[in-house]
């Protein structure tokens, strides 16, 4: 299925499944495809979107999302859990932070372009199809292959409702370091603030 045809609202309740959503044709044949995991609860409720692999060499979030997906039973869930474990497939394939195809950093090409280069297309479809459905976004990052970071959580630093929801989630996470981002946000997750979606960005690197 092409991502343009994917509709989260069409999935039934108490449903758990994995998807491969085509984004764009590959030069050697086939498609660049986005892996997506959906867990639709038996009862109505908020939608949590969790993404990882925005940078292709940040593996901890990529590994954590399938573990969470396997552990959650949709019949016990109120709301929807939507998880994209590898957003930047070209960079992941090359074990690089950014795309080897167009040289872009996915976190810096917001809001993307449906007709642009592959990284711009990925961002544009994420912004069109997934972010508008979310009540809350968790963006998982690590230091990648080049850096080592302490466990920390980033949140929207603002007195408004979005900022307070983001702060409460960051405090509940319990990381030893908290990093407040003042508005406007200047990288990929800023779309969440603009669209009325609270979010936190979690950074971790094993010692």
Protein backbone atom coordinates (compact mmCIF):
# COMPACT_ATOMS: atom_id res chain seq x y z
CA UNK A 1 0.00 0.00 0.00
CA UNK A 2 1.22 3.51 -0.73
CA UNK A 3 1.20 5.76 2.30
CA UNK A 4 -1.19 8.12 0.49
CA UNK A 5 -3.86 5.40 0.75
CA UNK A 6 -3.27 4.59 4.42
CA UNK A 7 -5.98 5.77 6.79
CA UNK A 8 -5.52 5.16 10.51
CA UNK A 9 -9.23 5.69 11.11
CA UNK A 10 -10.04 2.71 8.87
CA UNK A 11 -8.37 0.23 11.24
CA UNK A 12 -10.77 -1.72 13.48
CA UNK A 13 -10.78 -1.59 17.26
CA UNK A 14 -8.84 -4.18 19.26
CA UNK A 15 -6.54 -4.58 16.27
CA UNK A 16 -2.77 -5.00 16.20
CA UNK A 17 -0.78 -5.16 12.98
CA UNK A 18 2.37 -4.15 11.12
CA UNK A 19 2.41 -2.26 7.83
CA UNK A 20 4.92 -1.51 5.08
CA UNK A 21 3.88 1.74 3.42
CA UNK A 22 5.44 2.67 0.08
CA UNK A 23 6.88 6.20 -0.07
CA UNK A 24 8.78 6.50 -3.37
CA UNK A 25 10.29 4.33 -6.11
CA UNK A 26 13.89 3.16 -5.69
CA UNK A 27 16.31 3.58 -8.58
CA UNK A 28 17.08 -0.14 -8.63
CA UNK A 29 13.42 -1.16 -8.55
CA UNK A 30 10.87 -1.50 -5.79
CA UNK A 31 9.99 1.20 -3.27
CA UNK A 32 11.35 2.96 -0.26
CA UNK A 33 8.88 1.81 2.37
CA UNK A 34 8.06 3.05 5.85
CA UNK A 35 7.54 0.39 8.54
CA UNK A 36 4.58 1.23 10.77
CA UNK A 37 3.20 -0.60 13.79
CA UNK A 38 -0.37 0.11 14.94
CA UNK A 39 -2.10 -1.00 18.11
CA UNK A 40 -5.76 0.08 18.16
CA UNK A 41 -7.38 -0.24 21.56
CA UNK A 42 -10.75 -1.76 22.31
CA UNK A 43 -11.93 1.59 23.70
CA UNK A 44 -11.74 5.08 22.24
CA UNK A 45 -9.04 7.37 23.58
CA UNK A 46 -6.02 9.52 22.65
CA UNK A 47 -3.49 8.66 19.98
CA UNK A 48 0.19 8.36 20.90
CA UNK A 49 2.66 8.54 18.01
CA UNK A 50 6.19 7.30 18.65
CA UNK A 51 8.94 7.63 16.04
CA UNK A 52 12.56 6.53 15.86
CA UNK A 53 15.25 6.23 13.23
CA UNK A 54 14.98 9.88 12.20
CA UNK A 55 18.74 9.51 11.99
CA UNK A 56 19.77 6.19 10.50
CA UNK A 57 22.53 5.31 12.99
CA UNK A 58 20.48 5.78 16.16
CA UNK A 59 19.59 2.17 16.91
CA UNK A 60 18.27 2.09 20.48
CA UNK A 61 14.86 3.58 19.66
CA UNK A 62 14.65 1.43 16.54
CA UNK A 63 15.13 -1.66 18.72
CA UNK A 64 12.87 -0.50 21.56
CA UNK A 65 9.72 0.16 19.54
CA UNK A 66 9.14 -3.46 18.41
CA UNK A 67 9.64 -4.64 21.99
CA UNK A 68 6.93 -2.28 23.23
CA UNK A 69 4.66 -3.28 20.36
CA UNK A 70 4.95 -6.98 21.18
CA UNK A 71 4.24 -6.36 24.87
CA UNK A 72 1.01 -4.37 24.52
CA UNK A 73 -2.35 -6.12 24.23
CA UNK A 74 -4.85 -4.02 22.23
CA UNK A 75 -7.87 -5.27 24.18
CA UNK A 76 -6.41 -3.66 27.30
CA UNK A 77 -5.62 -0.39 25.51
CA UNK A 78 -7.74 2.75 25.51
CA UNK A 79 -6.85 4.81 22.46
CA UNK A 80 -4.31 4.17 19.73
CA UNK A 81 -0.58 3.53 19.72
CA UNK A 82 1.12 4.29 16.38
CA UNK A 83 4.85 3.64 16.03
CA UNK A 84 7.26 4.25 13.15
CA UNK A 85 10.49 2.51 14.21
CA UNK A 86 12.60 3.58 11.21
CA UNK A 87 11.65 6.90 9.64
CA UNK A 88 14.82 7.41 7.61
CA UNK A 89 15.12 4.14 5.70
CA UNK A 90 17.86 5.28 3.26
CA UNK A 91 20.06 6.46 6.13
CA UNK A 92 19.37 3.28 8.13
CA UNK A 93 20.31 1.10 5.16
CA UNK A 94 23.62 2.93 4.91
CA UNK A 95 24.24 3.07 8.70
CA UNK A 96 24.55 6.84 8.43
CA UNK A 97 23.00 9.77 10.27
CA UNK A 98 21.69 11.40 7.08
CA UNK A 99 20.54 10.11 3.73
CA UNK A 100 23.28 8.96 1.32
CA UNK A 101 20.90 9.65 -1.56
CA UNK A 102 20.20 13.35 -1.18
CA UNK A 103 22.50 14.31 1.70
CA UNK A 104 19.65 15.64 3.83
CA UNK A 105 19.21 15.44 7.58
CA UNK A 106 15.58 14.33 7.98
CA UNK A 107 15.17 16.47 11.11
CA UNK A 108 16.00 19.61 9.11
CA UNK A 109 13.75 19.39 6.04
CA UNK A 110 10.36 20.12 7.66
CA UNK A 111 7.73 20.36 6.29
CA UNK A 112 9.08 18.30 3.41
CA UNK A 113 7.87 18.12 -0.17
CA UNK A 114 5.71 15.38 -1.71
CA UNK A 115 7.47 15.96 -5.03
CA UNK A 116 10.94 16.58 -3.59
CA UNK A 117 13.91 14.34 -2.86
CA UNK A 118 13.40 11.15 -0.88
CA UNK A 119 14.06 12.68 2.56
CA UNK A 120 11.66 15.53 1.81
CA UNK A 121 9.02 13.04 0.65
CA UNK A 122 9.33 10.99 3.85
CA UNK A 123 8.85 14.08 6.02
CA UNK A 124 5.95 15.36 3.92
CA UNK A 125 4.07 12.07 4.22
CA UNK A 126 4.75 11.82 7.96
CA UNK A 127 3.37 15.33 8.34
CA UNK A 128 0.31 14.54 6.23
CA UNK A 129 -0.59 11.06 7.42
CA UNK A 130 0.68 10.52 10.96
CA UNK A 131 1.22 13.77 12.84
CA UNK A 132 -2.32 15.11 12.29
CA UNK A 133 -3.69 11.96 13.96
CA UNK A 134 -1.57 12.31 17.09
CA UNK A 135 -2.47 13.79 20.45
CA UNK A 136 1.07 13.28 21.71
CA UNK A 137 4.41 12.58 20.00
CA UNK A 138 7.45 10.80 21.42
CA UNK A 139 10.54 11.24 19.23
CA UNK A 140 13.30 8.76 20.17
CA UNK A 141 16.95 9.71 19.57
CA UNK A 142 20.41 8.64 20.70
CA UNK A 143 23.94 9.85 20.08
CA UNK A 144 24.28 7.54 17.09
CA UNK A 145 27.65 6.13 16.12
CA UNK A 146 29.56 9.36 16.76
CA UNK A 147 28.41 10.61 20.17
CA UNK A 148 27.72 9.46 23.69
CA UNK A 149 24.93 11.15 25.61
CA UNK A 150 23.47 10.94 29.10
CA UNK A 151 19.88 9.79 29.41
CA UNK A 152 17.81 12.94 28.96
CA UNK A 153 14.37 14.08 27.93
CA UNK A 154 13.52 17.14 25.85
CA UNK A 155 10.17 18.88 26.18
CA UNK A 156 8.32 22.01 25.02
CA UNK A 157 9.21 24.81 27.46
CA UNK A 158 6.08 26.97 27.42
CA UNK A 159 3.38 28.07 29.85
CA UNK A 160 0.56 27.06 27.49
CA UNK A 161 -1.36 23.79 27.50
CA UNK A 162 1.05 22.08 25.09
CA UNK A 163 4.06 23.04 27.14
CA UNK A 164 2.49 21.89 30.38
CA UNK A 165 1.43 18.55 28.89
CA UNK A 166 4.93 18.09 27.50
CA UNK A 167 6.52 18.98 30.84
CA UNK A 168 4.26 16.56 32.75
CA UNK A 169 5.21 13.72 30.39
CA UNK A 170 8.90 14.56 30.69
CA UNK A 171 8.69 14.53 34.48
CA UNK A 172 6.83 11.21 34.43
CA UNK A 173 9.57 9.70 32.28
CA UNK A 174 12.03 10.31 35.08
CA UNK A 175 15.24 11.00 33.15
CA UNK A 176 18.05 12.54 35.23
CA UNK A 177 18.43 15.40 32.72
CA UNK A 178 15.55 17.49 31.37
CA UNK A 179 16.00 19.87 28.45
CA UNK A 180 13.35 22.51 27.77
CA UNK A 181 12.94 23.70 24.16
CA UNK A 182 11.42 27.19 23.93
CA UNK A 183 8.95 27.88 21.16
CA UNK A 184 9.23 28.09 18.24
CA UNK A 185 11.02 24.77 17.82
CA UNK A 186 13.57 24.90 15.02
CA UNK A 187 13.86 21.30 13.90
CA UNK A 188 11.71 18.42 12.73
CA UNK A 189 9.43 18.06 15.80
CA UNK A 190 8.35 21.70 15.61
CA UNK A 191 5.40 20.61 13.45
CA UNK A 192 3.93 19.02 16.57
CA UNK A 193 3.74 22.32 18.39
CA UNK A 194 2.31 24.09 15.37
CA UNK A 195 -0.43 21.51 14.96
CA UNK A 196 -1.46 21.40 18.61
CA UNK A 197 0.36 18.16 19.47
CA UNK A 198 2.37 18.00 22.68
CA UNK A 199 5.60 16.05 22.46
CA UNK A 200 8.77 14.97 24.17
CA UNK A 201 12.08 13.96 22.64
CA UNK A 202 13.94 11.23 24.48
CA UNK A 203 17.71 10.88 24.08
CA UNK A 204 19.64 7.89 25.38
CA UNK A 205 22.97 6.20 24.86
CA UNK A 206 24.02 3.10 26.76
CA UNK A 207 27.19 3.47 28.78
